[in-house]
Amino acid sequence: MDNKRARNTYISCLINAAITLAAFHALPLFFVPMTKLIGGSMGDAQLTLSFCGTANLLTAGLVGLLVKKFPVKGIIGVSAVCITLFFFCFYFADSFAYIYAGGIFIGFAVMTAGFPISFTEVNWWFSKNTGKLMSFLPVAVGVMTFITSPIFAKAIETYGARHTALGAGVIMGGIVLISDFFLLSEHPGKYGIKIASEQEGSVDEGLPLNKILKEPSFWIVMAASFLVLIVLSGFMNNAPAFYELEMGVNPIKASLGVSIFSVASLVWSMLFGYLADKYNARIGILVCGVPVAVIFLAALKLNGFLGVALIATFFAGVYFVTLLSPVIYTLLYGKKESASIMGFSSVCAGMAAIIGAPVAGYIYDHFGSYSPFLIACSVFMAVAIVLVFIATNKNTYDRVMALRKAEIDAMKPGA
């Protein structure tokens, strides 16, 4: 394996994912100032997330085909342009139609320059410590979002939303383009190199996709993830507005809440990973998920920046959902169909984004408060925890392991 090429590709993946997701996470910071500039309600602004989610959803279903049909460097190059166009839509916007178009651009970029293709590149170029290498991708996103959120907020306050968007489009799109051009590599086969797992002679065993899709546990975990993703999408993308409108803080302190969430999410994610490895996913979801359910009820009484900090810190526990499906699905079904399962998970995330954020915005418009949504989030978290316990009971695990053993036996010579 070309170690230098592998290293540069990994660095590029870190940069691309961090910049792209930081750009996406900046979206809610523009909602309040843009509604003031062009009119409309928070529900109208949150509808942007539906367009983003739709683009994300459609791209999720095609990303595997795109990687097979087109050069990865070309796909990431297009993603870089989409990041620039996303921000330019805010600069030129005189109606929400422009902003909705921006949502489509960033929805595509998140699915291509974000995690799915980055995870694929890691699997191509590395055979050892792939889980550890993949875990640093969300860490990079969290660090980048922590850095950029207050910068965006201060820039919007100082220069206005339009000029901030213009500068961000040039800088962030440009960084991804440079990373793509100078660091990223295609499939190793393009350079006459075997992929890492082939060089090591390793084979990922597991159930084929057609059998996985027949398993009730697969859909139960998917349902649990969907509920948690609605909570994540709905509150995270409404958090700045909630902090400003209901907790009485200014935009700078609201953006600090986003930064606190970004840092805390890294800690919660690593805690979930540790607990899942040391014990099991059940312990992980209890330790990380229960505080989330509780903080949403406590948020009904909290106010001021201390309240913002507490909510952001404990709400960040919801970020375990980024590892929930990979951990449980790999445990149950193996790595054989990990790419296909990741596509299903991405579709699930896209559907949740379409529903969660705009529904939360319209609840505020209708009730004049986010309180009904906060209560719903608490209930969703409790239901998701119960579903995970149902999907990972001992009987299910033993039955799936028996199916995997039968699959391996069937592949042996003379079977």
Foldseek 3Di string as FASTA:
>chain_A
DPVQLLVLQLVLLLLLQQLLLLLVLLLLLCQVQLCVVQNDALLLSLLLLLLLLVLLLVCLVCVVVCLVPDWLLVLLLQLLLLSLQLLQLSLPDNDCVSNSSSSNSSSNSCNRSHQLVSLVSLQQADDPPSVVSSLCSLVSNLVSNLVCLLVLLVCCVVPNSNVSSNVSSCVSSVSSNVSSVPRHDGRVVVVVDGGHCVVVVDDWFFDDPVVLVVDPLLVLLLLLLLLLLLLVLACSSCQLVCQVQPQPDDSSLSSNLNSLLSVLLSVLQVQQVVCCVVPRNLVSLVVLLLLLLVLLVVLVPHHDSVNSNSNSNNVSSSSNSVVSNVSVCCLQTICNCVSVSVSVSSSSSSVSSSPRHSVQRVVCVVVVHSSVVSNSSSVSSVSSSVSNCVSPDPVNRVVSVVVSVVVVVVPDPPD
